Amino acid sequence: MKTLLVISGIIVFFSCMKKNDGSYQKKSFAEVLKAKKDTSHVNIYVIQGNHGKDFNDFLKKNNLQEMHYIDDKMIIGEGYSIDYKKLDFHLNETFPDPNATGICYIDIEDPYINALSEANPDSKEFKRSLDLFVNSIKYCKSKRPNVQWGHYGMPRTTFEDPKILSSNKYLGPIYEASDVLFPSLYLFKDDQAVDYQVNFDYLNENTIEAIKIGKQYKKPVIGFVMHRFHNSDKRLQFLAMSDEFWARYLNSVLKIKYGNKRLDGITWWGADTYFYTSKAEGSNLRKEFSGNLEEFKKFNDQKLIHKGNILINTVDNRKK
């Protein structure tokens, strides 16, 4: 009996410690969204591939910075090697001026990114993937030192697989080499599939994990969001969120804190014109509009402007 009491006391003690240090604990999304608005600045970055003139004018009018990217097709050679000749070409194409400034994410995806959370940290596969991530960002920084560099999907986040979050403790070399951290905070389920509290719990746990790592490595944290649902669910594949859901999602991300710290910025990502032409993944976009790609681009610019205004109004204390 005494042993049980001691164990119970230890559990309570560490539970209290967890609450006091601001680490993850489940919270009611309704209560969090009622909280007083934070007045700290938040940057907005945009990457909406191959948009039209109307949306481009909207970005300029509202002083919204477009983010650049370098993806794995521009980097990787044979196996896990870096093709430096190919990478140099794309670096020069993206940033012609060696003294260019700005912000850029490196997008290295499967199977390389999955190895960082699924492979044993002592395995050859894990070490090769880790080297690929670290060496690619170090090289990009050496060539364009005034650009802020980070890897998309870092820190690792997950909707339902706890081992992915625990893998972050092995990825310190990536975080040390980065200028900025870019966690993915996309949503996978709508209100029809799950109660919103499920989505909020996912956002809360993963955002806190990312901010915690950012604080540890003294790096700004800029979360990736999308006004469409993730493509992993056939019904929801790139389905546009309602205005109310989009605003609720943004408010959730902005009000989640680790201690007194929240996200430093948001990257609003999308590739509507690309997926519009995809037979496999574009059905929900084609339900919105029927026509050729140029006609869709003009139509979609107005949709993007509308969603962009919701974003701006939600992040009304962004840096101008």
Protein backbone atom coordinates (compact mmCIF):
# COMPACT_ATOMS: atom_id res chain seq x y z
CA MET A 1 0.00 0.00 0.00
CA LYS A 2 2.83 2.39 0.89
CA THR A 3 4.50 1.55 -2.40
CA LEU A 4 1.34 2.45 -4.29
CA LEU A 5 1.07 5.75 -2.43
CA VAL A 6 4.68 6.62 -3.25
CA ILE A 7 4.19 5.79 -6.92
CA SER A 8 0.99 7.84 -7.01
CA GLY A 9 2.81 10.75 -5.42
CA ILE A 10 5.58 10.56 -8.02
CA ILE A 11 3.04 10.52 -10.86
CA VAL A 12 1.25 13.57 -9.45
CA PHE A 13 4.57 15.36 -8.92
CA PHE A 14 5.72 14.85 -12.52
CA SER A 15 2.25 15.63 -13.84
CA CYS A 16 2.38 18.99 -12.08
CA MET A 17 5.86 19.60 -13.38
CA LYS A 18 4.64 18.95 -16.92
CA LYS A 19 1.89 21.52 -16.54
CA ASN A 20 4.23 24.09 -15.00
CA ASP A 21 6.82 23.95 -17.78
CA GLY A 22 4.19 24.64 -20.44
CA SER A 23 4.61 21.31 -22.24
CA TYR A 24 1.81 19.47 -23.98
CA GLN A 25 -1.45 18.81 -22.19
CA LYS A 26 -4.90 18.34 -23.68
CA LYS A 27 -7.06 21.46 -23.71
CA SER A 28 -10.56 22.26 -24.85
CA PHE A 29 -10.38 24.01 -28.22
CA ALA A 30 -13.42 26.11 -27.28
CA GLU A 31 -11.63 27.46 -24.22
CA VAL A 32 -8.40 28.11 -26.12
CA LEU A 33 -10.21 30.00 -28.89
CA LYS A 34 -11.88 32.20 -26.25
CA ALA A 35 -8.47 33.30 -24.96
CA LYS A 36 -7.42 36.92 -25.32
CA LYS A 37 -5.77 37.65 -28.66
CA ASP A 38 -1.97 37.65 -28.60
CA THR A 39 -0.37 40.90 -29.73
CA SER A 40 2.99 39.41 -30.74
CA HIS A 41 3.87 39.68 -34.43
CA VAL A 42 3.36 36.80 -36.83
CA ASN A 43 4.77 36.71 -40.36
CA ILE A 44 2.73 35.38 -43.27
CA TYR A 45 4.47 33.65 -46.17
CA VAL A 46 2.71 32.38 -49.26
CA ILE A 47 3.45 29.70 -51.80
CA GLN A 48 0.54 29.12 -54.19
CA GLY A 49 2.11 27.62 -57.27
CA ASN A 50 1.43 28.96 -60.76
CA HIS A 51 -1.26 31.44 -59.75
CA GLY A 52 -2.53 34.23 -62.00
CA LYS A 53 -2.09 37.99 -62.22
CA ASP A 54 -5.04 38.84 -59.95
CA PHE A 55 -3.62 36.89 -57.04
CA ASN A 56 -0.16 38.26 -57.72
CA ASP A 57 -1.58 41.79 -57.48
CA PHE A 58 -3.29 40.80 -54.22
CA LEU A 59 0.04 39.64 -52.76
CA LYS A 60 1.74 42.91 -53.69
CA LYS A 61 -1.12 45.05 -52.40
CA ASN A 62 -1.05 43.30 -49.04
CA ASN A 63 2.74 43.05 -48.78
CA LEU A 64 2.66 39.26 -48.56
CA GLN A 65 6.02 37.60 -49.14
CA GLU A 66 6.20 34.61 -51.47
CA MET A 67 8.35 31.78 -50.20
CA HIS A 68 10.75 29.90 -52.44
CA TYR A 69 11.46 26.19 -52.47
CA ILE A 70 14.00 23.63 -53.61
CA ASP A 71 12.59 20.11 -53.84
CA ASP A 72 14.17 16.68 -53.87
CA LYS A 73 14.04 16.43 -57.69
CA MET A 74 16.40 19.41 -57.77
CA ILE A 75 18.82 17.86 -55.26
CA ILE A 76 19.09 14.11 -55.25
CA GLY A 77 21.28 12.09 -57.57
CA GLU A 78 21.78 8.33 -57.26
CA GLY A 79 20.50 6.76 -54.06
CA TYR A 80 20.99 9.15 -51.17
CA SER A 81 23.63 11.28 -52.91
CA ILE A 82 23.39 14.98 -53.74
CA ASP A 83 23.80 15.93 -57.40
CA TYR A 84 25.66 19.21 -56.81
CA LYS A 85 25.65 20.19 -60.49
CA LYS A 86 21.87 19.87 -60.61
CA LEU A 87 21.45 21.65 -57.28
CA ASP A 88 23.68 24.52 -58.43
CA PHE A 89 21.51 24.96 -61.52
CA HIS A 90 18.33 25.25 -59.47
CA LEU A 91 19.93 27.49 -56.86
CA ASN A 92 21.01 29.88 -59.62
CA GLU A 93 17.56 29.68 -61.17
CA THR A 94 15.77 30.38 -57.87
CA PHE A 95 18.24 32.97 -56.56
CA PRO A 96 20.25 34.41 -59.51
CA ASP A 97 21.99 36.91 -57.23
CA PRO A 98 24.55 35.23 -54.89
CA ASN A 99 23.73 37.95 -52.34
CA ALA A 100 19.98 37.37 -52.55
CA THR A 101 17.87 37.53 -49.42
CA GLY A 102 14.57 35.83 -48.66
CA ILE A 103 13.35 32.58 -47.23
CA CYS A 104 13.34 29.11 -48.78
CA TYR A 105 12.29 25.64 -47.72
CA ILE A 106 13.89 22.42 -48.91
CA ASP A 107 11.33 19.73 -49.65
CA ILE A 108 12.82 16.24 -49.37
CA GLU A 109 10.04 13.68 -49.03
CA ASP A 110 9.59 9.90 -49.18
CA PRO A 111 11.42 7.64 -48.74
CA TYR A 112 14.09 9.88 -47.21
CA ILE A 113 11.97 11.79 -44.70
CA ASN A 114 10.14 8.65 -43.57
CA ALA A 115 13.44 6.96 -42.80
CA LEU A 116 14.10 9.64 -40.19
CA SER A 117 11.10 8.51 -38.16
CA GLU A 118 10.75 4.85 -39.13
CA ALA A 119 14.30 3.54 -39.40
CA ASN A 120 16.42 2.66 -36.39
CA PRO A 121 18.66 5.65 -35.54
CA ASP A 122 21.65 3.32 -35.65
CA SER A 123 20.78 1.98 -39.09
CA LYS A 124 22.54 2.80 -42.34
CA GLU A 125 19.24 4.01 -43.82
CA PHE A 126 18.69 6.53 -41.02
CA LYS A 127 22.25 7.84 -41.14
CA ARG A 128 22.18 8.26 -44.93
CA SER A 129 18.91 10.18 -44.71
CA LEU A 130 20.21 12.35 -41.88
CA ASP A 131 23.35 13.16 -43.88
CA LEU A 132 21.24 14.02 -46.93
CA PHE A 133 19.16 16.52 -44.96
CA VAL A 134 22.12 18.07 -43.15
CA ASN A 135 24.46 18.27 -46.16
CA SER A 136 21.81 19.68 -48.51
CA ILE A 137 20.94 22.57 -46.22
CA LYS A 138 24.58 23.30 -45.41
CA TYR A 139 25.39 23.45 -49.10
CA CYS A 140 22.44 25.73 -49.89
CA LYS A 141 23.47 28.03 -47.05
CA SER A 142 27.05 28.13 -48.32
CA LYS A 143 25.87 29.19 -51.78
CA ARG A 144 23.17 31.66 -50.69
CA PRO A 145 24.19 32.69 -47.17
CA ASN A 146 21.74 35.60 -46.90
CA VAL A 147 18.70 33.41 -47.55
CA GLN A 148 16.99 31.78 -44.56
CA TRP A 149 16.92 28.01 -45.09
CA GLY A 150 14.91 25.20 -43.51
CA HIS A 151 13.51 21.76 -44.29
CA TYR A 152 9.78 21.29 -44.85
CA GLY A 153 8.31 18.86 -42.31
CA MET A 154 10.90 19.63 -39.65
CA PRO A 155 10.25 19.13 -36.79
CA ARG A 156 8.38 15.95 -37.62
CA THR A 157 4.63 16.00 -36.96
CA THR A 158 1.95 13.31 -37.00
CA PHE A 159 -1.81 12.91 -36.86
CA GLU A 160 -1.83 9.46 -35.26
CA ASP A 161 1.61 7.82 -35.05
CA PRO A 162 3.34 8.72 -31.73
CA LYS A 163 6.69 7.26 -32.76
CA ILE A 164 7.08 10.04 -35.34
CA LEU A 165 7.10 12.74 -32.65
CA SER A 166 9.56 10.76 -30.53
CA SER A 167 11.94 10.61 -33.53
CA ASN A 168 12.56 14.36 -33.21
CA LYS A 169 15.09 13.73 -30.45
CA TYR A 170 17.42 12.14 -33.02
CA LEU A 171 17.21 14.99 -35.55
CA GLY A 172 19.24 17.63 -33.71
CA PRO A 173 21.87 17.94 -36.49
CA ILE A 174 19.11 19.03 -38.91
CA TYR A 175 17.74 21.61 -36.48
CA GLU A 176 21.21 22.95 -35.72
CA ALA A 177 21.96 23.38 -39.44
CA SER A 178 18.63 25.13 -40.15
CA ASP A 179 17.89 28.84 -39.99
CA VAL A 180 14.17 28.24 -39.53
CA LEU A 181 11.91 25.28 -38.73
CA PHE A 182 8.94 24.41 -40.96
CA PRO A 183 6.56 21.90 -39.29
CA SER A 184 3.67 20.61 -41.36
CA LEU A 185 0.32 21.41 -39.71
CA TYR A 186 -2.05 20.36 -42.47
CA LEU A 187 -5.45 18.93 -41.52
CA PHE A 188 -6.62 15.46 -42.54
CA LYS A 189 -10.22 15.32 -41.28
CA ASP A 190 -13.28 17.56 -41.48
CA ASP A 191 -16.14 17.96 -38.98
CA GLN A 192 -18.03 15.16 -40.67
CA ALA A 193 -15.21 12.68 -40.02
CA VAL A 194 -14.21 13.70 -36.47
CA ASP A 195 -15.19 16.12 -33.74
CA TYR A 196 -13.05 19.24 -34.10
CA GLN A 197 -11.49 18.51 -30.71
CA VAL A 198 -9.61 15.64 -32.40
CA ASN A 199 -8.13 18.06 -34.93
CA PHE A 200 -7.30 20.54 -32.20
CA ASP A 201 -5.54 17.89 -30.10
CA TYR A 202 -3.37 17.05 -33.11
CA LEU A 203 -2.58 20.73 -33.75
CA ASN A 204 -1.94 21.38 -30.06
CA GLU A 205 0.46 18.48 -29.54
CA ASN A 206 2.41 18.99 -32.75
CA THR A 207 2.61 22.78 -32.58
CA ILE A 208 3.84 22.65 -28.99
CA GLU A 209 6.44 20.05 -29.96
CA ALA A 210 7.69 22.28 -32.79
CA ILE A 211 7.81 25.44 -30.66
CA LYS A 212 9.59 23.52 -27.91
CA ILE A 213 12.27 22.36 -30.37
CA GLY A 214 12.53 25.85 -31.84
CA LYS A 215 13.15 27.24 -28.38
CA GLN A 216 15.74 24.55 -27.64
CA TYR A 217 17.72 25.31 -30.82
CA LYS A 218 16.92 29.05 -30.88
CA LYS A 219 15.21 28.85 -34.29
CA PRO A 220 12.02 30.57 -35.47
CA VAL A 221 9.13 28.21 -36.17
CA ILE A 222 6.90 28.79 -39.21
CA GLY A 223 4.06 26.29 -39.58
CA PHE A 224 2.70 25.15 -42.94
CA VAL A 225 -1.08 25.42 -43.36
CA MET A 226 -3.39 24.80 -46.31
CA HIS A 227 -6.98 25.92 -46.97
CA ARG A 228 -7.69 22.47 -48.40
CA PHE A 229 -7.65 19.12 -46.65
CA HIS A 230 -4.71 16.78 -47.05
CA ASN A 231 -4.82 14.39 -49.99
CA SER A 232 -4.51 11.21 -47.88
CA ASP A 233 -8.32 10.83 -47.63
CA LYS A 234 -10.07 10.11 -50.94
CA ARG A 235 -13.28 11.97 -50.02
CA LEU A 236 -11.43 15.02 -48.66
CA GLN A 237 -8.53 15.00 -51.14
CA PHE A 238 -7.75 18.74 -51.62
CA LEU A 239 -11.34 19.67 -50.77
CA ALA A 240 -11.59 23.37 -49.95
CA MET A 241 -12.40 24.15 -46.32
CA SER A 242 -15.43 26.30 -45.57
CA ASP A 243 -14.63 29.87 -44.56
CA GLU A 244 -15.68 29.14 -40.98
CA PHE A 245 -13.51 26.02 -40.76
CA TRP A 246 -10.50 27.82 -42.32
CA ALA A 247 -10.77 30.68 -39.80
CA ARG A 248 -11.19 28.23 -36.89
CA TYR A 249 -8.15 26.27 -38.04
CA LEU A 250 -6.01 29.42 -38.31
CA ASN A 251 -7.17 30.69 -34.93
CA SER A 252 -6.31 27.33 -33.39
CA VAL A 253 -2.77 27.37 -34.75
CA LEU A 254 -2.22 30.97 -33.69
CA LYS A 255 -3.47 30.55 -30.13
CA ILE A 256 -1.52 27.41 -29.25
CA LYS A 257 1.48 28.21 -27.04
CA TYR A 258 4.44 26.58 -25.37
CA GLY A 259 4.82 28.67 -22.25
CA ASN A 260 4.36 32.20 -23.57
CA LYS A 261 5.66 31.38 -27.05
CA ARG A 262 3.59 30.76 -30.17
CA LEU A 263 4.45 30.27 -33.84
CA ASP A 264 6.67 32.94 -35.37
CA GLY A 265 4.93 32.67 -38.71
CA ILE A 266 2.60 30.83 -41.05
CA THR A 267 3.28 29.55 -44.55
CA TRP A 268 0.10 29.26 -46.59
CA TRP A 269 0.83 26.51 -49.10
CA GLY A 270 -1.11 25.35 -52.14
CA ALA A 271 -0.72 23.92 -55.63
CA ASP A 272 -4.25 24.20 -57.00
CA THR A 273 -3.36 24.62 -60.66
CA TYR A 274 -1.07 21.58 -60.51
CA PHE A 275 -3.65 19.29 -58.89
CA TYR A 276 -6.50 20.61 -61.06
CA THR A 277 -4.99 18.67 -63.97
CA SER A 278 -4.28 15.54 -61.90
CA LYS A 279 -6.61 12.64 -62.73
CA ALA A 280 -5.69 10.90 -59.50
CA GLU A 281 -5.95 13.80 -57.04
CA GLY A 282 -7.83 16.66 -58.67
CA SER A 283 -11.47 15.54 -58.61
CA ASN A 284 -12.52 17.93 -55.83
CA LEU A 285 -10.94 20.88 -57.63
CA ARG A 286 -12.72 19.96 -60.86
CA LYS A 287 -16.01 19.89 -58.97
CA GLU A 288 -15.44 23.59 -58.25
CA PHE A 289 -14.86 24.53 -61.87
CA SER A 290 -15.00 23.04 -65.35
CA GLY A 291 -12.78 24.53 -68.03
CA ASN A 292 -9.21 24.69 -69.27
CA LEU A 293 -6.25 25.43 -67.03
CA GLU A 294 -6.01 29.15 -67.86
CA GLU A 295 -9.72 29.59 -67.17
CA PHE A 296 -9.34 27.72 -63.88
CA LYS A 297 -6.40 29.92 -62.92
CA LYS A 298 -8.51 33.08 -63.29
CA PHE A 299 -11.39 31.49 -61.38
CA ASN A 300 -9.10 30.19 -58.64
CA ASP A 301 -7.33 33.53 -58.18
CA GLN A 302 -10.59 34.94 -56.81
CA LYS A 303 -10.97 31.97 -54.46
CA LEU A 304 -7.39 32.46 -53.26
CA ILE A 305 -7.96 36.18 -52.69
CA HIS A 306 -11.03 35.38 -50.60
CA LYS A 307 -9.18 32.81 -48.48
CA GLY A 308 -6.19 35.15 -48.29
CA ASN A 309 -8.33 37.92 -46.84
CA ILE A 310 -9.54 35.55 -44.12
CA LEU A 311 -5.92 34.73 -43.35
CA ILE A 312 -4.93 38.40 -43.17
CA ASN A 313 -7.90 39.29 -40.98
CA THR A 314 -7.08 36.42 -38.63
CA VAL A 315 -3.40 37.38 -38.42
CA ASP A 316 -4.14 41.08 -38.07
CA ASN A 317 -0.98 41.76 -36.09
CA ARG A 318 1.40 40.45 -38.74
CA LYS A 319 4.56 42.32 -39.59
CA LYS A 320 3.97 44.79 -42.40
